[in-house]
PDB file of all heavy atoms in Angstrom:
ATOM      1  N   GLY A   1       0.822  -1.208   0.000  1.00  0.00           N
ATOM      2  CA  GLY A   1       0.000   0.000   0.000  1.00  0.00           C
ATOM      3  C   GLY A   1       0.851   1.250   0.000  1.00  0.00           C
ATOM      4  O   GLY A   1       2.062   1.216   0.210  1.00  0.00           O
ATOM      5  N   LEU A   2       0.193   2.358  -0.219  1.00  0.00           N
ATOM      6  CA  LEU A   2       0.885   3.637  -0.228  1.00  0.00           C
ATOM      7  C   LEU A   2       1.084   4.137   1.199  1.00  0.00           C
ATOM      8  O   LEU A   2       0.259   3.857   2.074  1.00  0.00           O
ATOM      9  CB  LEU A   2       0.068   4.665  -1.013  1.00  0.00           C
ATOM     10  CG  LEU A   2      -0.122   4.384  -2.501  1.00  0.00           C
ATOM     11  CD1 LEU A   2      -1.092   5.372  -3.109  1.00  0.00           C
ATOM     12  CD2 LEU A   2       1.207   4.451  -3.230  1.00  0.00           C
ATOM     13  N   PRO A   3       2.136   4.878   1.446  1.00  0.00           N
ATOM     14  CA  PRO A   3       2.326   5.436   2.790  1.00  0.00           C
ATOM     15  C   PRO A   3       1.180   6.355   3.200  1.00  0.00           C
ATOM     16  O   PRO A   3       0.829   6.434   4.371  1.00  0.00           O
ATOM     17  CB  PRO A   3       3.631   6.221   2.674  1.00  0.00           C
ATOM     18  CG  PRO A   3       4.328   5.685   1.485  1.00  0.00           C
ATOM     19  CD  PRO A   3       3.270   5.145   0.571  1.00  0.00           C
ATOM     20  N   VAL A   4       0.570   7.018   2.222  1.00  0.00           N
ATOM     21  CA  VAL A   4      -0.541   7.909   2.531  1.00  0.00           C
ATOM     22  C   VAL A   4      -1.729   7.108   3.069  1.00  0.00           C
ATOM     23  O   VAL A   4      -2.381   7.501   4.040  1.00  0.00           O
ATOM     24  CB  VAL A   4      -0.945   8.720   1.275  1.00  0.00           C
ATOM     25  CG1 VAL A   4      -2.191   9.535   1.526  1.00  0.00           C
ATOM     26  CG2 VAL A   4       0.196   9.603   0.831  1.00  0.00           C
ATOM     27  N   ASP A   5      -2.002   5.961   2.432  1.00  0.00           N
ATOM     28  CA  ASP A   5      -3.108   5.123   2.895  1.00  0.00           C
ATOM     29  C   ASP A   5      -2.848   4.583   4.298  1.00  0.00           C
ATOM     30  O   ASP A   5      -3.757   4.519   5.125  1.00  0.00           O
ATOM     31  CB  ASP A   5      -3.334   3.962   1.924  1.00  0.00           C
ATOM     32  CG  ASP A   5      -3.877   4.429   0.582  1.00  0.00           C
ATOM     33  OD1 ASP A   5      -4.528   5.505   0.556  1.00  0.00           O
ATOM     34  OD2 ASP A   5      -3.645   3.732  -0.423  1.00  0.00           O
ATOM     35  N   GLN A   6      -1.605   4.210   4.571  1.00  0.00           N
ATOM     36  CA  GLN A   6      -1.263   3.724   5.910  1.00  0.00           C
ATOM     37  C   GLN A   6      -1.438   4.842   6.935  1.00  0.00           C
ATOM     38  O   GLN A   6      -1.945   4.608   8.033  1.00  0.00           O
ATOM     39  CB  GLN A   6       0.177   3.210   5.928  1.00  0.00           C
ATOM     40  CG  GLN A   6       0.373   1.960   5.094  1.00  0.00           C
ATOM     41  CD  GLN A   6       1.842   1.574   4.982  1.00  0.00           C
ATOM     42  OE1 GLN A   6       2.718   2.303   5.417  1.00  0.00           O
ATOM     43  NE2 GLN A   6       2.100   0.413   4.389  1.00  0.00           N
ATOM     44  N   TYR A   7      -1.061   6.037   6.573  1.00  0.00           N
ATOM     45  CA  TYR A   7      -1.221   7.192   7.466  1.00  0.00           C
ATOM     46  C   TYR A   7      -2.693   7.447   7.738  1.00  0.00           C
ATOM     47  O   TYR A   7      -3.096   7.682   8.874  1.00  0.00           O
ATOM     48  CB  TYR A   7      -0.558   8.419   6.833  1.00  0.00           C
ATOM     49  CG  TYR A   7      -0.778   9.692   7.598  1.00  0.00           C
ATOM     50  CD1 TYR A   7      -0.097   9.935   8.785  1.00  0.00           C
ATOM     51  CD2 TYR A   7      -1.677  10.649   7.148  1.00  0.00           C
ATOM     52  CE1 TYR A   7      -0.297  11.106   9.491  1.00  0.00           C
ATOM     53  CE2 TYR A   7      -1.887  11.821   7.845  1.00  0.00           C
ATOM     54  CZ  TYR A   7      -1.191  12.041   9.015  1.00  0.00           C
ATOM     55  OH  TYR A   7      -1.404  13.189   9.716  1.00  0.00           O
ATOM     56  N   ARG A   8      -3.510   7.385   6.701  1.00  0.00           N
ATOM     57  CA  ARG A   8      -4.946   7.617   6.877  1.00  0.00           C
ATOM     58  C   ARG A   8      -5.571   6.553   7.771  1.00  0.00           C
ATOM     59  O   ARG A   8      -6.429   6.856   8.601  1.00  0.00           O
ATOM     60  CB  ARG A   8      -5.645   7.638   5.522  1.00  0.00           C
ATOM     61  CG  ARG A   8      -5.337   8.879   4.721  1.00  0.00           C
ATOM     62  CD  ARG A   8      -6.017   8.854   3.384  1.00  0.00           C
ATOM     63  NE  ARG A   8      -5.684  10.054   2.626  1.00  0.00           N
ATOM     64  CZ  ARG A   8      -5.765  10.155   1.322  1.00  0.00           C
ATOM     65  NH1 ARG A   8      -6.184   9.142   0.601  1.00  0.00           N
ATOM     66  NH2 ARG A   8      -5.449  11.283   0.727  1.00  0.00           N
ATOM     67  N   LYS A   9      -5.149   5.324   7.616  1.00  0.00           N
ATOM     68  CA  LYS A   9      -5.662   4.261   8.487  1.00  0.00           C
ATOM     69  C   LYS A   9      -5.285   4.522   9.937  1.00  0.00           C
ATOM     70  O   LYS A   9      -6.091   4.333  10.848  1.00  0.00           O
ATOM     71  CB  LYS A   9      -5.117   2.900   8.047  1.00  0.00           C
ATOM     72  CG  LYS A   9      -5.801   2.328   6.840  1.00  0.00           C
ATOM     73  CD  LYS A   9      -5.243   0.956   6.520  1.00  0.00           C
ATOM     74  CE  LYS A   9      -5.865   0.375   5.288  1.00  0.00           C
ATOM     75  NZ  LYS A   9      -5.295  -0.942   4.950  1.00  0.00           N
ATOM     76  N   GLN A  10      -4.055   4.951  10.151  1.00  0.00           N
ATOM     77  CA  GLN A  10      -3.590   5.225  11.514  1.00  0.00           C
ATOM     78  C   GLN A  10      -4.375   6.373  12.133  1.00  0.00           C
ATOM     79  O   GLN A  10      -4.805   6.297  13.284  1.00  0.00           O
ATOM     80  CB  GLN A  10      -2.100   5.541  11.491  1.00  0.00           C
ATOM     81  CG  GLN A  10      -1.517   5.823  12.858  1.00  0.00           C
ATOM     82  CD  GLN A  10      -0.048   6.208  12.793  1.00  0.00           C
ATOM     83  OE1 GLN A  10       0.515   6.346  11.708  1.00  0.00           O
ATOM     84  NE2 GLN A  10       0.577   6.380  13.940  1.00  0.00           N
ATOM     85  N   ILE A  11      -4.612   7.438  11.374  1.00  0.00           N
ATOM     86  CA  ILE A  11      -5.373   8.575  11.879  1.00  0.00           C
ATOM     87  C   ILE A  11      -6.807   8.162  12.163  1.00  0.00           C
ATOM     88  O   ILE A  11      -7.394   8.559  13.166  1.00  0.00           O
ATOM     89  CB  ILE A  11      -5.323   9.754  10.867  1.00  0.00           C
ATOM     90  CG1 ILE A  11      -3.903  10.269  10.720  1.00  0.00           C
ATOM     91  CG2 ILE A  11      -6.270  10.872  11.279  1.00  0.00           C
ATOM     92  CD1 ILE A  11      -3.302  10.811  11.991  1.00  0.00           C
ATOM     93  N   GLY A  12      -7.389   7.361  11.282  1.00  0.00           N
ATOM     94  CA  GLY A  12      -8.748   6.869  11.491  1.00  0.00           C
ATOM     95  C   GLY A  12      -8.857   6.059  12.770  1.00  0.00           C
ATOM     96  O   GLY A  12      -9.832   6.173  13.514  1.00  0.00           O
ATOM     97  N   LYS A  13      -7.879   5.250  13.046  1.00  0.00           N
ATOM     98  CA  LYS A  13      -7.896   4.455  14.279  1.00  0.00           C
ATOM     99  C   LYS A  13      -7.791   5.357  15.505  1.00  0.00           C
ATOM    100  O   LYS A  13      -8.415   5.105  16.530  1.00  0.00           O
ATOM    101  CB  LYS A  13      -6.741   3.451  14.274  1.00  0.00           C
ATOM    102  CG  LYS A  13      -6.940   2.302  13.302  1.00  0.00           C
ATOM    103  CD  LYS A  13      -5.742   1.378  13.301  1.00  0.00           C
ATOM    104  CE  LYS A  13      -5.898   0.295  12.263  1.00  0.00           C
ATOM    105  NZ  LYS A  13      -4.710  -0.564  12.184  1.00  0.00           N
ATOM    106  N   GLN A  14      -7.025   6.420  15.409  1.00  0.00           N
ATOM    107  CA  GLN A  14      -6.907   7.344  16.534  1.00  0.00           C
ATOM    108  C   GLN A  14      -8.223   8.067  16.780  1.00  0.00           C
ATOM    109  O   GLN A  14      -8.589   8.339  17.917  1.00  0.00           O
ATOM    110  CB  GLN A  14      -5.795   8.360  16.266  1.00  0.00           C
ATOM    111  CG  GLN A  14      -4.409   7.759  16.321  1.00  0.00           C
ATOM    112  CD  GLN A  14      -3.335   8.766  15.962  1.00  0.00           C
ATOM    113  OE1 GLN A  14      -3.621   9.917  15.695  1.00  0.00           O
ATOM    114  NE2 GLN A  14      -2.085   8.310  15.933  1.00  0.00           N
ATOM    115  N   ASP A  15      -8.962   8.385  15.704  1.00  0.00           N
ATOM    116  CA  ASP A  15     -10.238   9.066  15.858  1.00  0.00           C
ATOM    117  C   ASP A  15     -11.275   8.182  16.531  1.00  0.00           C
ATOM    118  O   ASP A  15     -12.143   8.664  17.246  1.00  0.00           O
ATOM    119  CB  ASP A  15     -10.767   9.554  14.505  1.00  0.00           C
ATOM    120  CG  ASP A  15     -10.071  10.829  14.047  1.00  0.00           C
ATOM    121  OD1 ASP A  15      -9.394  11.454  14.882  1.00  0.00           O
ATOM    122  OD2 ASP A  15     -10.225  11.193  12.874  1.00  0.00           O
ATOM    123  N   TYR A  16     -11.225   6.886  16.301  1.00  0.00           N
ATOM    124  CA  TYR A  16     -12.181   5.985  16.944  1.00  0.00           C
ATOM    125  C   TYR A  16     -11.982   5.951  18.458  1.00  0.00           C
ATOM    126  O   TYR A  16     -12.915   5.699  19.208  1.00  0.00           O
ATOM    127  CB  TYR A  16     -12.064   4.562  16.391  1.00  0.00           C
ATOM    128  CG  TYR A  16     -12.635   4.425  15.008  1.00  0.00           C
ATOM    129  CD1 TYR A  16     -11.863   3.945  13.962  1.00  0.00           C
ATOM    130  CD2 TYR A  16     -13.960   4.780  14.741  1.00  0.00           C
ATOM    131  CE1 TYR A  16     -12.393   3.812  12.694  1.00  0.00           C
ATOM    132  CE2 TYR A  16     -14.495   4.664  13.480  1.00  0.00           C
ATOM    133  CZ  TYR A  16     -13.712   4.178  12.456  1.00  0.00           C
ATOM    134  OH  TYR A  16     -14.245   4.057  11.202  1.00  0.00           O
ATOM    135  N   LYS A  17     -10.783   6.233  18.901  1.00  0.00           N
ATOM    136  CA  LYS A  17     -10.500   6.217  20.335  1.00  0.00           C
ATOM    137  C   LYS A  17     -11.073   7.443  21.047  1.00  0.00           C
ATOM    138  O   LYS A  17     -11.281   7.426  22.249  1.00  0.00           O
ATOM    139  CB  LYS A  17      -8.989   6.162  20.570  1.00  0.00           C
ATOM    140  CG  LYS A  17      -8.341   4.880  20.096  1.00  0.00           C
ATOM    141  CD  LYS A  17      -6.836   4.949  20.267  1.00  0.00           C
ATOM    142  CE  LYS A  17      -6.157   3.736  19.677  1.00  0.00           C
ATOM    143  NZ  LYS A  17      -4.706   3.836  19.748  1.00  0.00           N
ATOM    144  N   LYS A  18     -11.341   8.512  20.292  1.00  0.00           N
ATOM    145  CA  LYS A  18     -11.824   9.744  20.900  1.00  0.00           C
ATOM    146  C   LYS A  18     -13.318   9.656  21.194  1.00  0.00           C
ATOM    147  O   LYS A  18     -14.052   8.917  20.559  1.00  0.00           O
ATOM    148  CB  LYS A  18     -11.574  10.927  19.961  1.00  0.00           C
ATOM    149  CG  LYS A  18     -10.118  11.233  19.738  1.00  0.00           C
ATOM    150  CD  LYS A  18      -9.975  12.408  18.800  1.00  0.00           C
ATOM    151  CE  LYS A  18      -8.517  12.726  18.525  1.00  0.00           C
ATOM    152  NZ  LYS A  18      -8.393  13.823  17.564  1.00  0.00           N
ATOM    153  N   THR A  19     -13.746  10.468  22.132  1.00  0.00           N
ATOM    154  CA  THR A  19     -15.171  10.523  22.455  1.00  0.00           C
ATOM    155  C   THR A  19     -15.871  11.471  21.484  1.00  0.00           C
ATOM    156  O   THR A  19     -15.235  12.258  20.793  1.00  0.00           O
ATOM    157  CB  THR A  19     -15.373  11.032  23.898  1.00  0.00           C
ATOM    158  OG1 THR A  19     -14.837  12.354  23.990  1.00  0.00           O
ATOM    159  CG2 THR A  19     -14.682  10.111  24.895  1.00  0.00           C
ATOM    160  N   LYS A  20     -17.182  11.405  21.442  1.00  0.00           N
ATOM    161  CA  LYS A  20     -17.943  12.248  20.514  1.00  0.00           C
ATOM    162  C   LYS A  20     -17.743  13.745  20.773  1.00  0.00           C
ATOM    163  O   LYS A  20     -17.564  14.505  19.830  1.00  0.00           O
ATOM    164  CB  LYS A  20     -19.432  11.892  20.561  1.00  0.00           C
ATOM    165  CG  LYS A  20     -19.755  10.649  19.775  1.00  0.00           C
ATOM    166  CD  LYS A  20     -21.256  10.483  19.641  1.00  0.00           C
ATOM    167  CE  LYS A  20     -21.562   9.273  18.776  1.00  0.00           C
ATOM    168  NZ  LYS A  20     -22.986   9.141  18.521  1.00  0.00           N
ATOM    169  N   PRO A  21     -17.767  14.193  22.021  1.00  0.00           N
ATOM    170  CA  PRO A  21     -17.525  15.635  22.233  1.00  0.00           C
ATOM    171  C   PRO A  21     -16.135  16.079  21.773  1.00  0.00           C
ATOM    172  O   PRO A  21     -15.979  17.180  21.237  1.00  0.00           O
ATOM    173  CB  PRO A  21     -17.684  15.817  23.738  1.00  0.00           C
ATOM    174  CG  PRO A  21     -18.532  14.678  24.179  1.00  0.00           C
ATOM    175  CD  PRO A  21     -18.194  13.551  23.262  1.00  0.00           C
ATOM    176  N   ALA A  22     -15.145  15.226  21.944  1.00  0.00           N
ATOM    177  CA  ALA A  22     -13.791  15.576  21.505  1.00  0.00           C
ATOM    178  C   ALA A  22     -13.729  15.647  19.984  1.00  0.00           C
ATOM    179  O   ALA A  22     -13.091  16.543  19.420  1.00  0.00           O
ATOM    180  CB  ALA A  22     -12.783  14.565  22.022  1.00  0.00           C
ATOM    181  N   LEU A  23     -14.400  14.726  19.294  1.00  0.00           N
ATOM    182  CA  LEU A  23     -14.429  14.756  17.835  1.00  0.00           C
ATOM    183  C   LEU A  23     -15.162  16.005  17.331  1.00  0.00           C
ATOM    184  O   LEU A  23     -14.739  16.640  16.371  1.00  0.00           O
ATOM    185  CB  LEU A  23     -15.115  13.499  17.280  1.00  0.00           C
ATOM    186  CG  LEU A  23     -14.311  12.205  17.362  1.00  0.00           C
ATOM    187  CD1 LEU A  23     -15.183  11.024  16.968  1.00  0.00           C
ATOM    188  CD2 LEU A  23     -13.102  12.285  16.466  1.00  0.00           C
ATOM    189  N   LYS A  24     -16.255  16.343  18.006  1.00  0.00           N
ATOM    190  CA  LYS A  24     -17.026  17.519  17.611  1.00  0.00           C
ATOM    191  C   LYS A  24     -16.199  18.785  17.810  1.00  0.00           C
ATOM    192  O   LYS A  24     -16.199  19.682  16.954  1.00  0.00           O
ATOM    193  CB  LYS A  24     -18.314  17.590  18.416  1.00  0.00           C
ATOM    194  CG  LYS A  24     -19.252  18.669  17.962  1.00  0.00           C
ATOM    195  CD  LYS A  24     -20.559  18.617  18.722  1.00  0.00           C
ATOM    196  CE  LYS A  24     -21.518  19.682  18.234  1.00  0.00           C
ATOM    197  NZ  LYS A  24     -22.789  19.673  18.951  1.00  0.00           N
ATOM    198  N   ALA A  25     -15.488  18.866  18.914  1.00  0.00           N
ATOM    199  CA  ALA A  25     -14.655  20.032  19.184  1.00  0.00           C
ATOM    200  C   ALA A  25     -13.537  20.153  18.149  1.00  0.00           C
ATOM    201  O   ALA A  25     -13.233  21.256  17.668  1.00  0.00           O
ATOM    202  CB  ALA A  25     -14.061  19.945  20.587  1.00  0.00           C
ATOM    203  N   THR A  26     -12.949  19.035  17.767  1.00  0.00           N
ATOM    204  CA  THR A  26     -11.892  19.046  16.758  1.00  0.00           C
ATOM    205  C   THR A  26     -12.437  19.505  15.419  1.00  0.00           C
ATOM    206  O   THR A  26     -11.815  20.302  14.717  1.00  0.00           O
ATOM    207  CB  THR A  26     -11.271  17.643  16.614  1.00  0.00           C
ATOM    208  OG1 THR A  26     -10.802  17.217  17.887  1.00  0.00           O
ATOM    209  CG2 THR A  26     -10.121  17.643  15.641  1.00  0.00           C
ATOM    210  N   ARG A  27     -13.621  19.026  15.059  1.00  0.00           N
ATOM    211  CA  ARG A  27     -14.237  19.403  13.789  1.00  0.00           C
ATOM    212  C   ARG A  27     -14.585  20.893  13.777  1.00  0.00           C
ATOM    213  O   ARG A  27     -14.327  21.595  12.796  1.00  0.00           O
ATOM    214  CB  ARG A  27     -15.500  18.569  13.549  1.00  0.00           C
ATOM    215  CG  ARG A  27     -16.179  18.870  12.222  1.00  0.00           C
ATOM    216  CD  ARG A  27     -17.361  17.951  11.973  1.00  0.00           C
ATOM    217  NE  ARG A  27     -18.282  17.877  13.092  1.00  0.00           N
ATOM    218  CZ  ARG A  27     -19.290  18.723  13.296  1.00  0.00           C
ATOM    219  NH1 ARG A  27     -19.498  19.704  12.467  1.00  0.00           N
ATOM    220  NH2 ARG A  27     -20.091  18.576  14.332  1.00  0.00           N
ATOM    221  N   LEU A  28     -15.148  21.391  14.879  1.00  0.00           N
ATOM    222  CA  LEU A  28     -15.499  22.811  14.953  1.00  0.00           C
ATOM    223  C   LEU A  28     -14.263  23.704  14.891  1.00  0.00           C
ATOM    224  O   LEU A  28     -14.283  24.772  14.274  1.00  0.00           O
ATOM    225  CB  LEU A  28     -16.296  23.087  16.225  1.00  0.00           C
ATOM    226  CG  LEU A  28     -17.712  22.504  16.260  1.00  0.00           C
ATOM    227  CD1 LEU A  28     -18.338  22.720  17.639  1.00  0.00           C
ATOM    228  CD2 LEU A  28     -18.575  23.116  15.181  1.00  0.00           C
ATOM    229  N   LYS A  29     -13.195  23.255  15.528  1.00  0.00           N
ATOM    230  CA  LYS A  29     -11.947  24.020  15.510  1.00  0.00           C
ATOM    231  C   LYS A  29     -11.380  24.089  14.089  1.00  0.00           C
ATOM    232  O   LYS A  29     -10.919  25.146  13.644  1.00  0.00           O
ATOM    233  CB  LYS A  29     -10.943  23.367  16.455  1.00  0.00           C
ATOM    234  CG  LYS A  29      -9.669  24.134  16.635  1.00  0.00           C
ATOM    235  CD  LYS A  29      -8.780  23.440  17.653  1.00  0.00           C
ATOM    236  CE  LYS A  29      -7.480  24.177  17.841  1.00  0.00           C
ATOM    237  NZ  LYS A  29      -6.588  23.496  18.766  1.00  0.00           N
ATOM    238  N   ALA A  30     -11.440  22.984  13.366  1.00  0.00           N
ATOM    239  CA  ALA A  30     -10.941  22.953  11.989  1.00  0.00           C
ATOM    240  C   ALA A  30     -11.792  23.844  11.084  1.00  0.00           C
ATOM    241  O   ALA A  30     -11.267  24.559  10.224  1.00  0.00           O
ATOM    242  CB  ALA A  30     -10.922  21.524  11.469  1.00  0.00           C
ATOM    243  N   GLU A  31     -13.099  23.813  11.271  1.00  0.00           N
ATOM    244  CA  GLU A  31     -13.985  24.654  10.456  1.00  0.00           C
ATOM    245  C   GLU A  31     -13.757  26.139  10.754  1.00  0.00           C
ATOM    246  O   GLU A  31     -13.752  26.967   9.841  1.00  0.00           O
ATOM    247  CB  GLU A  31     -15.444  24.294  10.703  1.00  0.00           C
ATOM    248  CG  GLU A  31     -15.862  22.978  10.090  1.00  0.00           C
ATOM    249  CD  GLU A  31     -17.298  22.613  10.403  1.00  0.00           C
ATOM    250  OE1 GLU A  31     -17.971  23.378  11.122  1.00  0.00           O
ATOM    251  OE2 GLU A  31     -17.746  21.564   9.925  1.00  0.00           O
ATOM    252  N   ALA A  32     -13.577  26.477  12.019  1.00  0.00           N
ATOM    253  CA  ALA A  32     -13.335  27.876  12.385  1.00  0.00           C
ATOM    254  C   ALA A  32     -12.026  28.363  11.776  1.00  0.00           C
ATOM    255  O   ALA A  32     -11.936  29.500  11.303  1.00  0.00           O
ATOM    256  CB  ALA A  32     -13.306  28.021  13.897  1.00  0.00           C
ATOM    257  N   LYS A  33     -11.029  27.516  11.767  1.00  0.00           N
ATOM    258  CA  LYS A  33      -9.738  27.891  11.193  1.00  0.00           C
ATOM    259  C   LYS A  33      -9.864  28.093   9.686  1.00  0.00           C
ATOM    260  O   LYS A  33      -9.281  29.010   9.118  1.00  0.00           O
ATOM    261  CB  LYS A  33      -8.705  26.804  11.490  1.00  0.00           C
ATOM    262  CG  LYS A  33      -7.318  27.145  11.083  1.00  0.00           C
ATOM    263  CD  LYS A  33      -6.351  26.059  11.502  1.00  0.00           C
ATOM    264  CE  LYS A  33      -4.930  26.401  11.124  1.00  0.00           C
ATOM    265  NZ  LYS A  33      -3.993  25.349  11.490  1.00  0.00           N
ATOM    266  N   LYS A  34     -10.663  27.251   9.031  1.00  0.00           N
ATOM    267  CA  LYS A  34     -10.842  27.347   7.592  1.00  0.00           C
ATOM    268  C   LYS A  34     -11.560  28.643   7.216  1.00  0.00           C
ATOM    269  O   LYS A  34     -11.197  29.317   6.267  1.00  0.00           O
ATOM    270  CB  LYS A  34     -11.637  26.141   7.079  1.00  0.00           C
ATOM    271  CG  LYS A  34     -11.831  26.126   5.566  1.00  0.00           C
ATOM    272  CD  LYS A  34     -12.464  24.850   5.083  1.00  0.00           C
ATOM    273  CE  LYS A  34     -13.903  24.773   5.500  1.00  0.00           C
ATOM    274  NZ  LYS A  34     -14.617  23.637   4.902  1.00  0.00           N
ATOM    275  N   TYR A  35     -12.593  29.012   7.957  1.00  0.00           N
ATOM    276  CA  TYR A  35     -13.373  30.195   7.623  1.00  0.00           C
ATOM    277  C   TYR A  35     -12.678  31.489   8.062  1.00  0.00           C
ATOM    278  O   TYR A  35     -12.904  32.526   7.467  1.00  0.00           O
ATOM    279  CB  TYR A  35     -14.765  30.127   8.250  1.00  0.00           C
ATOM    280  CG  TYR A  35     -15.630  29.062   7.624  1.00  0.00           C
ATOM    281  CD1 TYR A  35     -16.243  28.087   8.399  1.00  0.00           C
ATOM    282  CD2 TYR A  35     -15.833  29.023   6.253  1.00  0.00           C
ATOM    283  CE1 TYR A  35     -17.028  27.111   7.826  1.00  0.00           C
ATOM    284  CE2 TYR A  35     -16.617  28.051   5.676  1.00  0.00           C
ATOM    285  CZ  TYR A  35     -17.216  27.091   6.456  1.00  0.00           C
ATOM    286  OH  TYR A  35     -17.987  26.128   5.889  1.00  0.00           O
ATOM    287  N   SER A  36     -11.860  31.434   9.078  1.00  0.00           N
ATOM    288  CA  SER A  36     -11.217  32.657   9.563  1.00  0.00           C
ATOM    289  C   SER A  36     -10.194  33.183   8.572  1.00  0.00           C
ATOM    290  O   SER A  36      -9.936  34.380   8.539  1.00  0.00           O
ATOM    291  CB  SER A  36     -10.559  32.411  10.913  1.00  0.00           C
ATOM    292  OG  SER A  36      -9.456  31.546  10.766  1.00  0.00           O
ATOM    293  N   SER A  37      -9.600  32.321   7.759  1.00  0.00           N
ATOM    294  CA  SER A  37      -8.615  32.797   6.796  1.00  0.00           C
ATOM    295  C   SER A  37      -9.269  33.690   5.746  1.00  0.00           C
ATOM    296  O   SER A  37      -8.638  34.625   5.246  1.00  0.00           O
ATOM    297  CB  SER A  37      -7.901  31.619   6.131  1.00  0.00           C
ATOM    298  OG  SER A  37      -8.807  30.901   5.320  1.00  0.00           O
ATOM    299  N   GLY A  38     -10.540  33.437   5.403  1.00  0.00           N
ATOM    300  CA  GLY A  38     -11.250  34.285   4.452  1.00  0.00           C
ATOM    301  C   GLY A  38     -11.464  35.678   4.991  1.00  0.00           C
ATOM    302  O   GLY A  38     -11.297  36.675   4.284  1.00  0.00           O
ATOM    303  N   PHE A  39     -11.841  35.785   6.259  1.00  0.00           N
ATOM    304  CA  PHE A  39     -12.021  37.087   6.889  1.00  0.00           C
ATOM    305  C   PHE A  39     -10.693  37.823   6.996  1.00  0.00           C
ATOM    306  O   PHE A  39     -10.616  39.040   6.794  1.00  0.00           O
ATOM    307  CB  PHE A  39     -12.645  36.945   8.278  1.00  0.00           C
ATOM    308  CG  PHE A  39     -14.053  36.424   8.241  1.00  0.00           C
ATOM    309  CD1 PHE A  39     -14.387  35.258   8.910  1.00  0.00           C
ATOM    310  CD2 PHE A  39     -15.040  37.089   7.541  1.00  0.00           C
ATOM    311  CE1 PHE A  39     -15.673  34.780   8.882  1.00  0.00           C
ATOM    312  CE2 PHE A  39     -16.334  36.621   7.503  1.00  0.00           C
ATOM    313  CZ  PHE A  39     -16.653  35.458   8.172  1.00  0.00           C
ATOM    314  N   LYS A  40      -9.652  37.093   7.292  1.00  0.00           N
ATOM    315  CA  LYS A  40      -8.329  37.701   7.422  1.00  0.00           C
ATOM    316  C   LYS A  40      -7.876  38.270   6.080  1.00  0.00           C
ATOM    317  O   LYS A  40      -7.363  39.393   6.019  1.00  0.00           O
ATOM    318  CB  LYS A  40      -7.340  36.641   7.918  1.00  0.00           C
ATOM    319  CG  LYS A  40      -5.966  37.157   8.216  1.00  0.00           C
ATOM    320  CD  LYS A  40      -5.093  36.043   8.760  1.00  0.00           C
ATOM    321  CE  LYS A  40      -3.716  36.522   9.093  1.00  0.00           C
ATOM    322  NZ  LYS A  40      -2.862  35.444   9.592  1.00  0.00           N
ATOM    323  N   ASP A  41      -8.091  37.508   5.000  1.00  0.00           N
ATOM    324  CA  ASP A  41      -7.705  37.988   3.677  1.00  0.00           C
ATOM    325  C   ASP A  41      -8.512  39.220   3.281  1.00  0.00           C
ATOM    326  O   ASP A  41      -7.961  40.176   2.734  1.00  0.00           O
ATOM    327  CB  ASP A  41      -7.889  36.884   2.637  1.00  0.00           C
ATOM    328  CG  ASP A  41      -6.911  35.738   2.823  1.00  0.00           C
ATOM    329  OD1 ASP A  41      -5.897  35.939   3.521  1.00  0.00           O
ATOM    330  OD2 ASP A  41      -7.164  34.644   2.279  1.00  0.00           O
ATOM    331  N   ALA A  42      -9.808  39.203   3.551  1.00  0.00           N
ATOM    332  CA  ALA A  42     -10.659  40.345   3.216  1.00  0.00           C
ATOM    333  C   ALA A  42     -10.221  41.580   3.997  1.00  0.00           C
ATOM    334  O   ALA A  42     -10.166  42.690   3.449  1.00  0.00           O
ATOM    335  CB  ALA A  42     -12.120  40.020   3.498  1.00  0.00           C
ATOM    336  N   PHE A  43      -9.905  41.404   5.250  1.00  0.00           N
ATOM    337  CA  PHE A  43      -9.439  42.523   6.077  1.00  0.00           C
ATOM    338  C   PHE A  43      -8.134  43.097   5.534  1.00  0.00           C
ATOM    339  O   PHE A  43      -7.957  44.321   5.482  1.00  0.00           O
ATOM    340  CB  PHE A  43      -9.255  42.075   7.532  1.00  0.00           C
ATOM    341  CG  PHE A  43      -8.691  43.145   8.416  1.00  0.00           C
ATOM    342  CD1 PHE A  43      -9.464  44.214   8.821  1.00  0.00           C
ATOM    343  CD2 PHE A  43      -7.363  43.094   8.817  1.00  0.00           C
ATOM    344  CE1 PHE A  43      -8.943  45.212   9.627  1.00  0.00           C
ATOM    345  CE2 PHE A  43      -6.820  44.080   9.622  1.00  0.00           C
ATOM    346  CZ  PHE A  43      -7.620  45.145  10.022  1.00  0.00           C
TER     347      PHE A  43
END
């Protein structure tokens, strides 16, 4: 397999270990970071 696929499998396994609130917080943090760059560029 490709190293990228092995990395994705490893990350997926780590996510299963997390609780739902932790996963939700991680997702919200990533979304906030993605949208904040647009405001920063506009400013």
